[in-house]
């Protein structure tokens, strides 16, 4: 074995160890974030729906009506607005929407929520939200859950036709129908 071979081997080994350490550190940082990123994906009728969002925690706080005020546009998560992507045209709450990437906003209220699909997903929070960029609005009725969700969670539930996009936090859950 030559010295040059040994040096190359050691350089490769050190590089691999460094990359592994950086990835492990990044994963630990993500887990320690106050509102870590999350992704929910489903496929139905050859349509893939992907939602990328951040999960704030309850931390003993009163959520809806306090931390998230009633009657105001909410980014539906934390940090950036929630991004929702559709691989094909869909119908949400009975309203047509073209395939593409969008921001998902909501306006929570005690008895009804307004679910908003907005064309501008490249913004921070809801601070530069503009209603004129809304492509779709639909009303849904919140339900009270038996168990409290510590983290805001978006998911999908199978439906007779299409899927149900669900959003849950604290003791509140809302669902909106998505079909093809």
N, C-alpha and C. Protein backbone atom coordinates (compact mmCIF):
# COMPACT_ATOMS: atom_id res chain seq x y z
N UNK A 1 0.86 -1.17 0.00
CA UNK A 1 0.00 0.00 0.00
C UNK A 1 0.90 1.23 0.00
N UNK A 2 0.62 2.16 -0.92
CA UNK A 2 1.44 3.36 -1.01
C UNK A 2 0.90 4.44 -0.09
N UNK A 3 1.73 5.42 0.19
CA UNK A 3 1.32 6.55 1.03
C UNK A 3 0.21 7.33 0.34
N UNK A 4 0.28 7.50 -0.98
CA UNK A 4 -0.75 8.24 -1.72
C UNK A 4 -2.10 7.54 -1.60
N UNK A 5 -2.12 6.21 -1.71
CA UNK A 5 -3.35 5.44 -1.57
C UNK A 5 -3.92 5.62 -0.16
N UNK A 6 -3.06 5.53 0.83
CA UNK A 6 -3.47 5.69 2.22
C UNK A 6 -4.07 7.08 2.45
N UNK A 7 -3.44 8.11 1.92
CA UNK A 7 -3.97 9.48 2.07
C UNK A 7 -5.33 9.64 1.41
N UNK A 8 -5.48 9.07 0.20
CA UNK A 8 -6.77 9.15 -0.49
C UNK A 8 -7.85 8.42 0.30
N UNK A 9 -7.53 7.27 0.81
CA UNK A 9 -8.47 6.49 1.60
C UNK A 9 -8.88 7.25 2.85
N UNK A 10 -7.93 7.84 3.53
CA UNK A 10 -8.23 8.61 4.74
C UNK A 10 -9.06 9.85 4.41
N UNK A 11 -8.79 10.49 3.29
CA UNK A 11 -9.56 11.67 2.88
C UNK A 11 -11.01 11.28 2.61
N UNK A 12 -11.20 10.19 1.89
CA UNK A 12 -12.56 9.72 1.60
C UNK A 12 -13.28 9.35 2.90
N UNK A 13 -12.61 8.63 3.77
CA UNK A 13 -13.21 8.23 5.04
C UNK A 13 -13.60 9.44 5.88
N UNK A 14 -12.71 10.41 5.98
CA UNK A 14 -13.00 11.63 6.76
C UNK A 14 -14.17 12.40 6.15
N UNK A 15 -14.24 12.47 4.84
CA UNK A 15 -15.34 13.16 4.17
C UNK A 15 -16.66 12.47 4.46
N UNK A 16 -16.70 11.15 4.37
CA UNK A 16 -17.92 10.39 4.65
C UNK A 16 -18.35 10.61 6.10
N UNK A 17 -17.43 10.54 7.04
CA UNK A 17 -17.76 10.78 8.45
C UNK A 17 -18.28 12.19 8.68
N UNK A 18 -17.69 13.18 8.02
CA UNK A 18 -18.12 14.56 8.15
C UNK A 18 -19.55 14.73 7.64
N UNK A 19 -19.84 14.16 6.46
CA UNK A 19 -21.17 14.27 5.88
C UNK A 19 -22.20 13.61 6.80
N UNK A 20 -21.87 12.44 7.33
CA UNK A 20 -22.79 11.75 8.25
C UNK A 20 -23.05 12.58 9.50
N UNK A 21 -22.03 13.20 10.03
CA UNK A 21 -22.18 14.03 11.23
C UNK A 21 -23.05 15.24 10.95
N UNK A 22 -22.87 15.87 9.80
CA UNK A 22 -23.68 17.05 9.43
C UNK A 22 -25.14 16.65 9.27
N UNK A 23 -25.42 15.51 8.61
CA UNK A 23 -26.80 15.06 8.43
C UNK A 23 -27.45 14.73 9.76
N UNK A 24 -26.72 14.08 10.65
CA UNK A 24 -27.27 13.76 11.98
C UNK A 24 -27.58 15.02 12.75
N UNK A 25 -26.70 16.01 12.65
CA UNK A 25 -26.92 17.28 13.34
C UNK A 25 -28.15 17.99 12.77
N UNK A 26 -28.31 17.97 11.45
CA UNK A 26 -29.46 18.62 10.81
C UNK A 26 -30.76 17.95 11.24
N UNK A 27 -30.77 16.62 11.35
CA UNK A 27 -31.98 15.93 11.78
C UNK A 27 -32.31 16.27 13.22
N UNK A 28 -31.30 16.37 14.08
CA UNK A 28 -31.53 16.76 15.47
C UNK A 28 -32.06 18.18 15.55
N UNK A 29 -31.52 19.10 14.72
CA UNK A 29 -32.00 20.48 14.71
C UNK A 29 -33.47 20.53 14.30
N UNK A 30 -33.86 19.75 13.28
CA UNK A 30 -35.24 19.73 12.79
C UNK A 30 -36.18 19.27 13.90
N UNK A 31 -35.78 18.24 14.64
CA UNK A 31 -36.62 17.71 15.71
C UNK A 31 -36.75 18.71 16.85
N UNK A 32 -35.74 19.55 17.05
CA UNK A 32 -35.74 20.51 18.15
C UNK A 32 -36.44 21.83 17.79
N UNK A 33 -36.82 22.00 16.53
CA UNK A 33 -37.48 23.24 16.10
C UNK A 33 -38.80 23.40 16.83
N UNK A 34 -39.16 24.62 17.23
CA UNK A 34 -40.45 24.84 17.88
C UNK A 34 -41.64 24.43 17.01
N UNK A 35 -41.52 24.66 15.71
CA UNK A 35 -42.57 24.29 14.75
C UNK A 35 -41.92 23.54 13.59
N UNK A 36 -41.64 22.24 13.78
CA UNK A 36 -40.91 21.50 12.76
C UNK A 36 -41.70 21.34 11.47
N UNK A 37 -40.98 21.19 10.34
CA UNK A 37 -41.67 20.97 9.06
C UNK A 37 -42.28 19.59 9.00
N UNK A 38 -43.36 19.49 8.24
CA UNK A 38 -44.04 18.20 8.05
C UNK A 38 -44.61 18.17 6.63
N UNK A 39 -44.85 16.96 6.16
CA UNK A 39 -45.43 16.76 4.84
C UNK A 39 -46.52 15.70 4.93
N UNK A 40 -47.64 15.96 4.26
CA UNK A 40 -48.72 14.97 4.15
C UNK A 40 -48.98 14.77 2.66
N UNK A 41 -49.10 13.51 2.25
CA UNK A 41 -49.32 13.20 0.83
C UNK A 41 -50.36 12.10 0.71
N UNK A 42 -51.17 12.20 -0.33
CA UNK A 42 -52.12 11.14 -0.66
C UNK A 42 -52.27 11.09 -2.16
N UNK A 43 -52.74 9.95 -2.64
CA UNK A 43 -53.05 9.79 -4.06
C UNK A 43 -54.43 9.14 -4.17
N UNK A 44 -55.26 9.71 -5.02
CA UNK A 44 -56.58 9.15 -5.32
C UNK A 44 -56.89 9.43 -6.78
N UNK A 45 -57.52 8.52 -7.46
CA UNK A 45 -57.93 8.70 -8.87
C UNK A 45 -56.82 9.31 -9.72
N UNK A 46 -55.58 8.84 -9.54
CA UNK A 46 -54.41 9.34 -10.27
C UNK A 46 -54.10 10.81 -10.01
N UNK A 47 -54.53 11.33 -8.87
CA UNK A 47 -54.20 12.69 -8.44
C UNK A 47 -53.37 12.57 -7.16
N UNK A 48 -52.22 13.21 -7.16
CA UNK A 48 -51.41 13.26 -5.94
C UNK A 48 -51.55 14.64 -5.32
N UNK A 49 -51.85 14.67 -4.03
CA UNK A 49 -51.96 15.91 -3.27
C UNK A 49 -50.86 15.89 -2.22
N UNK A 50 -50.05 16.94 -2.18
CA UNK A 50 -48.97 17.05 -1.20
C UNK A 50 -49.13 18.37 -0.46
N UNK A 51 -49.03 18.29 0.86
CA UNK A 51 -49.13 19.48 1.71
C UNK A 51 -47.83 19.59 2.51
N UNK A 52 -47.16 20.74 2.40
CA UNK A 52 -45.95 21.01 3.18
C UNK A 52 -46.27 22.15 4.14
N UNK A 53 -46.01 21.91 5.43
CA UNK A 53 -46.40 22.88 6.44
C UNK A 53 -45.48 22.77 7.65
N UNK A 54 -45.66 23.65 8.63
CA UNK A 54 -44.93 23.59 9.88
C UNK A 54 -45.91 23.36 11.01
N UNK A 55 -45.49 22.58 12.01
CA UNK A 55 -46.37 22.13 13.08
C UNK A 55 -46.13 22.86 14.40
N UNK A 56 -46.86 23.95 14.65
CA UNK A 56 -46.74 24.58 15.97
C UNK A 56 -47.30 23.67 17.06
N UNK A 57 -46.84 23.88 18.29
CA UNK A 57 -47.30 23.08 19.43
C UNK A 57 -48.24 23.88 20.32
N UNK A 58 -49.12 23.18 21.00
CA UNK A 58 -50.09 23.81 21.91
C UNK A 58 -49.40 24.41 23.13
N UNK A 59 -48.51 23.67 23.75
CA UNK A 59 -47.74 24.12 24.92
C UNK A 59 -48.62 24.74 26.01
N UNK A 60 -49.78 24.13 26.25
CA UNK A 60 -50.67 24.61 27.31
C UNK A 60 -51.45 25.87 26.98
N UNK A 61 -51.32 26.37 25.77
CA UNK A 61 -51.99 27.61 25.39
C UNK A 61 -53.39 27.35 24.86
N UNK A 62 -54.25 28.36 24.96
CA UNK A 62 -55.56 28.30 24.32
C UNK A 62 -55.33 28.65 22.85
N UNK A 63 -55.74 27.78 21.95
CA UNK A 63 -55.38 27.94 20.54
C UNK A 63 -56.39 28.81 19.78
N UNK A 64 -57.54 28.24 19.44
CA UNK A 64 -58.48 28.96 18.57
C UNK A 64 -59.29 29.97 19.36
N UNK A 65 -59.29 31.19 18.85
CA UNK A 65 -59.93 32.30 19.54
C UNK A 65 -58.93 33.12 20.36
N UNK A 66 -57.75 32.58 20.60
CA UNK A 66 -56.69 33.29 21.36
C UNK A 66 -55.41 33.36 20.53
N UNK A 67 -54.59 32.28 20.56
CA UNK A 67 -53.34 32.26 19.80
C UNK A 67 -53.62 32.45 18.31
N UNK A 68 -54.62 31.76 17.82
CA UNK A 68 -55.10 31.92 16.44
C UNK A 68 -56.45 32.60 16.55
N UNK A 69 -56.49 33.93 16.33
CA UNK A 69 -57.75 34.68 16.53
C UNK A 69 -58.84 34.25 15.55
N UNK A 70 -60.06 34.30 16.03
CA UNK A 70 -61.20 34.06 15.16
C UNK A 70 -61.35 35.21 14.18
N UNK A 71 -61.82 34.89 12.98
CA UNK A 71 -62.15 35.91 11.99
C UNK A 71 -60.97 36.52 11.26
N UNK A 72 -59.76 35.99 11.48
CA UNK A 72 -58.57 36.53 10.80
C UNK A 72 -57.91 35.45 9.96
N UNK A 73 -57.29 35.88 8.85
CA UNK A 73 -56.59 34.94 7.98
C UNK A 73 -55.42 34.34 8.75
N UNK A 74 -55.32 33.01 8.71
CA UNK A 74 -54.25 32.28 9.38
C UNK A 74 -53.44 31.53 8.33
N UNK A 75 -52.15 31.50 8.48
CA UNK A 75 -51.27 30.81 7.54
C UNK A 75 -51.43 29.29 7.60
N UNK A 76 -52.23 28.80 8.54
CA UNK A 76 -52.57 27.39 8.68
C UNK A 76 -51.32 26.56 8.99
N UNK A 77 -50.72 26.91 10.09
CA UNK A 77 -49.49 26.28 10.55
C UNK A 77 -48.60 27.36 11.12
N UNK A 78 -47.31 27.19 10.96
CA UNK A 78 -46.34 28.18 11.44
C UNK A 78 -45.37 28.52 10.31
N UNK A 79 -44.64 29.59 10.52
CA UNK A 79 -43.60 30.03 9.58
C UNK A 79 -44.21 30.40 8.22
N UNK A 80 -43.73 29.75 7.14
CA UNK A 80 -44.26 30.04 5.81
C UNK A 80 -45.71 29.60 5.74
N UNK A 81 -46.47 30.13 4.78
CA UNK A 81 -47.82 29.60 4.60
C UNK A 81 -47.73 28.12 4.20
N UNK A 82 -48.76 27.40 4.50
CA UNK A 82 -48.82 26.00 4.10
C UNK A 82 -48.91 25.93 2.58
N UNK A 83 -48.08 25.06 1.98
CA UNK A 83 -48.07 24.89 0.53
C UNK A 83 -48.80 23.60 0.18
N UNK A 84 -49.76 23.71 -0.73
CA UNK A 84 -50.51 22.54 -1.17
C UNK A 84 -50.34 22.42 -2.68
N UNK A 85 -50.04 21.20 -3.11
CA UNK A 85 -49.77 20.94 -4.52
C UNK A 85 -50.69 19.83 -5.04
N UNK A 86 -51.17 20.02 -6.26
CA UNK A 86 -52.05 19.05 -6.91
C UNK A 86 -51.43 18.65 -8.24
N UNK A 87 -51.33 17.35 -8.50
CA UNK A 87 -50.72 16.87 -9.74
C UNK A 87 -51.69 16.93 -10.92
N UNK A 88 -52.98 17.12 -10.64
CA UNK A 88 -54.00 17.20 -11.68
C UNK A 88 -55.11 18.13 -11.19
N UNK A 89 -56.00 18.50 -12.08
CA UNK A 89 -57.12 19.36 -11.70
C UNK A 89 -57.97 18.64 -10.65
N UNK A 90 -58.50 19.43 -9.69
CA UNK A 90 -59.32 18.87 -8.61
C UNK A 90 -60.54 19.74 -8.39
N UNK A 91 -61.41 19.24 -7.53
CA UNK A 91 -62.57 20.00 -7.06
C UNK A 91 -62.48 20.01 -5.54
N UNK A 92 -62.50 21.21 -4.96
CA UNK A 92 -62.41 21.36 -3.51
C UNK A 92 -63.67 22.04 -3.03
N UNK A 93 -64.37 21.38 -2.13
CA UNK A 93 -65.62 21.94 -1.63
C UNK A 93 -66.58 22.28 -2.74
N UNK A 94 -66.57 21.49 -3.83
CA UNK A 94 -67.47 21.71 -4.95
C UNK A 94 -66.99 22.75 -5.95
N UNK A 95 -65.75 23.26 -5.78
CA UNK A 95 -65.23 24.30 -6.68
C UNK A 95 -63.98 23.80 -7.40
N UNK A 96 -63.90 24.05 -8.71
CA UNK A 96 -62.81 23.56 -9.55
C UNK A 96 -61.52 24.33 -9.30
N UNK A 97 -60.39 23.59 -9.37
CA UNK A 97 -59.06 24.18 -9.21
C UNK A 97 -58.10 23.45 -10.14
N UNK A 98 -57.28 24.20 -10.86
CA UNK A 98 -56.30 23.63 -11.79
C UNK A 98 -55.14 23.00 -11.01
N UNK A 99 -54.47 22.05 -11.63
CA UNK A 99 -53.26 21.45 -11.06
C UNK A 99 -52.23 22.57 -10.81
N UNK A 100 -51.42 22.41 -9.75
CA UNK A 100 -50.39 23.40 -9.47
C UNK A 100 -50.06 23.48 -8.00
N UNK A 101 -49.26 24.51 -7.66
CA UNK A 101 -48.82 24.77 -6.29
C UNK A 101 -49.50 26.02 -5.77
N UNK A 102 -50.01 25.93 -4.54
CA UNK A 102 -50.77 27.03 -3.96
C UNK A 102 -50.47 27.19 -2.47
N UNK A 103 -50.91 28.31 -1.92
CA UNK A 103 -50.88 28.51 -0.47
C UNK A 103 -52.25 28.12 0.09
N UNK A 104 -52.22 27.47 1.25
CA UNK A 104 -53.45 27.10 1.94
C UNK A 104 -53.58 27.99 3.17
N UNK A 105 -54.58 28.86 3.16
CA UNK A 105 -54.88 29.70 4.30
C UNK A 105 -56.24 29.29 4.84
N UNK A 106 -56.51 29.68 6.07
CA UNK A 106 -57.83 29.46 6.64
C UNK A 106 -58.24 30.69 7.45
N UNK A 107 -59.52 30.84 7.63
CA UNK A 107 -60.06 31.84 8.56
C UNK A 107 -60.89 31.05 9.57
N UNK A 108 -60.30 30.73 10.72
CA UNK A 108 -61.04 29.98 11.74
C UNK A 108 -62.10 30.85 12.42
N UNK A 109 -63.22 30.27 12.70
CA UNK A 109 -64.28 30.86 13.51
C UNK A 109 -64.83 29.74 14.38
N UNK A 110 -65.56 30.09 15.39
CA UNK A 110 -66.10 29.09 16.31
C UNK A 110 -67.01 28.09 15.60
N UNK A 111 -67.90 28.58 14.73
CA UNK A 111 -68.91 27.72 14.10
C UNK A 111 -68.62 27.35 12.65
N UNK A 112 -67.69 28.05 12.00
CA UNK A 112 -67.33 27.73 10.61
C UNK A 112 -65.91 28.22 10.33
N UNK A 113 -65.26 27.53 9.42
CA UNK A 113 -63.95 27.94 8.94
C UNK A 113 -64.08 28.22 7.45
N UNK A 114 -63.29 29.14 6.97
CA UNK A 114 -63.18 29.37 5.55
C UNK A 114 -61.82 28.83 5.13
N UNK A 115 -61.82 27.88 4.20
CA UNK A 115 -60.59 27.31 3.66
C UNK A 115 -60.30 28.06 2.36
N UNK A 116 -59.07 28.56 2.26
CA UNK A 116 -58.70 29.42 1.13
C UNK A 116 -57.53 28.80 0.36
N UNK A 117 -57.66 28.76 -0.95
CA UNK A 117 -56.54 28.39 -1.82
C UNK A 117 -56.12 29.69 -2.50
N UNK A 118 -54.86 30.07 -2.28
CA UNK A 118 -54.33 31.35 -2.74
C UNK A 118 -53.16 31.09 -3.69
N UNK A 119 -53.02 31.91 -4.70
CA UNK A 119 -51.98 31.67 -5.70
C UNK A 119 -50.56 32.00 -5.22
N UNK A 120 -50.40 32.73 -4.12
CA UNK A 120 -49.07 33.17 -3.67
C UNK A 120 -48.56 32.34 -2.49
N UNK A 121 -47.80 31.29 -2.81
CA UNK A 121 -47.24 30.47 -1.73
C UNK A 121 -45.83 30.91 -1.35
N UNK A 122 -45.26 31.90 -2.03
CA UNK A 122 -43.91 32.39 -1.74
C UNK A 122 -43.99 33.66 -0.90
N UNK A 123 -44.38 33.50 0.35
CA UNK A 123 -44.44 34.64 1.27
C UNK A 123 -44.17 34.13 2.68
N UNK A 124 -44.08 35.02 3.63
CA UNK A 124 -43.85 34.65 5.02
C UNK A 124 -45.14 34.85 5.80
N UNK A 125 -45.57 33.80 6.48
CA UNK A 125 -46.79 33.91 7.28
C UNK A 125 -47.97 34.33 6.43
N UNK A 126 -48.82 35.15 7.01
CA UNK A 126 -49.96 35.71 6.28
C UNK A 126 -49.81 37.23 6.20
N UNK A 127 -48.60 37.72 6.46
CA UNK A 127 -48.38 39.16 6.54
C UNK A 127 -48.59 39.88 5.22
N UNK A 128 -48.27 39.22 4.10
CA UNK A 128 -48.49 39.87 2.80
C UNK A 128 -49.63 39.19 2.02
N UNK A 129 -50.50 38.49 2.75
CA UNK A 129 -51.67 37.85 2.15
C UNK A 129 -52.52 38.89 1.44
N UNK A 130 -52.95 38.57 0.24
CA UNK A 130 -53.83 39.45 -0.53
C UNK A 130 -55.03 38.63 -1.01
N UNK A 131 -56.21 39.06 -0.57
CA UNK A 131 -57.43 38.35 -0.92
C UNK A 131 -57.63 38.27 -2.43
N UNK A 132 -57.19 39.27 -3.17
CA UNK A 132 -57.38 39.24 -4.63
C UNK A 132 -56.59 38.10 -5.30
N UNK A 133 -55.69 37.44 -4.56
CA UNK A 133 -54.96 36.29 -5.10
C UNK A 133 -55.63 34.96 -4.73
N UNK A 134 -56.78 35.05 -4.05
CA UNK A 134 -57.54 33.83 -3.73
C UNK A 134 -58.12 33.25 -5.00
N UNK A 135 -57.95 31.97 -5.17
CA UNK A 135 -58.53 31.27 -6.31
C UNK A 135 -59.78 30.50 -5.93
N UNK A 136 -59.89 30.20 -4.63
CA UNK A 136 -60.99 29.38 -4.16
C UNK A 136 -61.19 29.62 -2.67
N UNK A 137 -62.44 29.70 -2.27
CA UNK A 137 -62.82 29.75 -0.85
C UNK A 137 -63.99 28.81 -0.64
N UNK A 138 -63.94 28.06 0.43
CA UNK A 138 -65.05 27.18 0.77
C UNK A 138 -65.21 27.13 2.28
N UNK A 139 -66.44 27.00 2.73
CA UNK A 139 -66.73 26.94 4.17
C UNK A 139 -66.82 25.50 4.64
N UNK A 140 -66.27 25.25 5.82
CA UNK A 140 -66.36 23.94 6.45
C UNK A 140 -66.74 24.14 7.92
N UNK A 141 -67.31 23.10 8.49
CA UNK A 141 -67.73 23.16 9.89
C UNK A 141 -66.72 22.44 10.77
N UNK A 142 -66.19 23.11 11.79
CA UNK A 142 -65.25 22.44 12.69
C UNK A 142 -65.97 21.46 13.60
N UNK A 143 -65.25 20.43 14.02
CA UNK A 143 -65.79 19.48 15.00
C UNK A 143 -64.87 19.47 16.22
N UNK A 144 -65.43 19.08 17.35
CA UNK A 144 -64.65 18.95 18.57
C UNK A 144 -64.18 17.51 18.68
N UNK A 145 -62.90 17.32 18.94
CA UNK A 145 -62.34 15.98 19.05
C UNK A 145 -62.36 15.50 20.50
N UNK A 146 -62.25 14.19 20.70
CA UNK A 146 -62.23 13.62 22.05
C UNK A 146 -60.88 13.82 22.72
N UNK A 147 -59.81 13.82 21.90
CA UNK A 147 -58.47 13.99 22.44
C UNK A 147 -57.84 15.24 21.85
N UNK A 148 -57.01 15.87 22.64
CA UNK A 148 -56.33 17.09 22.21
C UNK A 148 -55.10 16.73 21.37
N UNK A 149 -54.92 17.42 20.26
CA UNK A 149 -53.73 17.28 19.42
C UNK A 149 -52.71 18.32 19.88
N UNK A 150 -51.58 17.87 20.40
CA UNK A 150 -50.54 18.79 20.88
C UNK A 150 -49.95 19.61 19.74
N UNK A 151 -49.73 18.97 18.61
CA UNK A 151 -49.18 19.67 17.43
C UNK A 151 -50.24 19.80 16.35
N UNK A 152 -50.20 20.92 15.66
CA UNK A 152 -51.06 21.12 14.50
C UNK A 152 -50.69 20.05 13.47
N UNK A 153 -51.71 19.35 12.96
CA UNK A 153 -51.46 18.23 12.05
C UNK A 153 -52.40 18.29 10.87
N UNK A 154 -51.84 18.10 9.69
CA UNK A 154 -52.63 17.99 8.45
C UNK A 154 -52.49 16.56 7.96
N UNK A 155 -53.59 16.00 7.50
CA UNK A 155 -53.56 14.64 6.98
C UNK A 155 -54.69 14.43 5.99
N UNK A 156 -54.87 13.19 5.61
CA UNK A 156 -55.91 12.82 4.66
C UNK A 156 -56.67 11.61 5.19
N UNK A 157 -57.96 11.59 4.92
CA UNK A 157 -58.80 10.44 5.26
C UNK A 157 -59.51 9.99 4.00
N UNK A 158 -59.59 8.70 3.85
CA UNK A 158 -60.26 8.12 2.68
C UNK A 158 -61.74 8.54 2.70
N UNK A 159 -62.26 8.82 1.54
CA UNK A 159 -63.67 9.19 1.39
C UNK A 159 -64.30 8.28 0.33
N UNK A 160 -65.63 8.23 0.30
CA UNK A 160 -66.32 7.43 -0.73
C UNK A 160 -65.88 7.88 -2.12
N UNK A 161 -65.71 9.18 -2.27
CA UNK A 161 -65.25 9.75 -3.53
C UNK A 161 -64.13 10.73 -3.20
N UNK A 162 -62.95 10.50 -3.74
CA UNK A 162 -61.83 11.40 -3.48
C UNK A 162 -61.21 11.19 -2.11
N UNK A 163 -60.89 12.30 -1.46
CA UNK A 163 -60.25 12.26 -0.15
C UNK A 163 -60.74 13.43 0.69
N UNK A 164 -60.50 13.34 1.98
CA UNK A 164 -60.80 14.44 2.89
C UNK A 164 -59.48 14.98 3.41
N UNK A 165 -59.21 16.24 3.18
CA UNK A 165 -58.05 16.92 3.77
C UNK A 165 -58.46 17.29 5.19
N UNK A 166 -57.71 16.85 6.18
CA UNK A 166 -58.05 17.13 7.57
C UNK A 166 -56.99 18.01 8.22
N UNK A 167 -57.42 18.89 9.09
CA UNK A 167 -56.54 19.75 9.87
C UNK A 167 -57.00 19.67 11.31
N UNK A 168 -56.07 19.35 12.23
CA UNK A 168 -56.45 19.19 13.63
C UNK A 168 -55.41 19.84 14.53
N UNK A 169 -55.92 20.49 15.59
CA UNK A 169 -55.05 21.06 16.61
C UNK A 169 -55.91 21.30 17.85
N UNK A 170 -55.33 21.04 18.98
CA UNK A 170 -56.03 21.17 20.25
C UNK A 170 -57.23 20.22 20.20
N UNK A 171 -58.42 20.71 20.41
CA UNK A 171 -59.62 19.87 20.40
C UNK A 171 -60.48 20.16 19.16
N UNK A 172 -59.87 20.72 18.12
CA UNK A 172 -60.61 21.12 16.92
C UNK A 172 -60.09 20.39 15.70
N UNK A 173 -61.03 19.98 14.84
CA UNK A 173 -60.69 19.32 13.58
C UNK A 173 -61.62 19.85 12.50
N UNK A 174 -61.04 20.13 11.33
CA UNK A 174 -61.85 20.49 10.17
C UNK A 174 -61.45 19.59 9.01
N UNK A 175 -62.40 19.34 8.15
CA UNK A 175 -62.16 18.48 6.97
C UNK A 175 -62.78 19.14 5.76
N UNK A 176 -62.09 18.99 4.63
CA UNK A 176 -62.62 19.54 3.37
C UNK A 176 -62.46 18.47 2.31
N UNK A 177 -63.51 18.30 1.50
CA UNK A 177 -63.52 17.28 0.45
C UNK A 177 -62.69 17.73 -0.75
N UNK A 178 -61.90 16.78 -1.26
CA UNK A 178 -61.15 16.99 -2.50
C UNK A 178 -61.49 15.82 -3.41
N UNK A 179 -62.00 16.14 -4.60
CA UNK A 179 -62.34 15.12 -5.59
C UNK A 179 -61.72 15.48 -6.93
N UNK A 180 -61.87 14.58 -7.87
CA UNK A 180 -61.34 14.83 -9.21
C UNK A 180 -62.43 15.37 -10.11
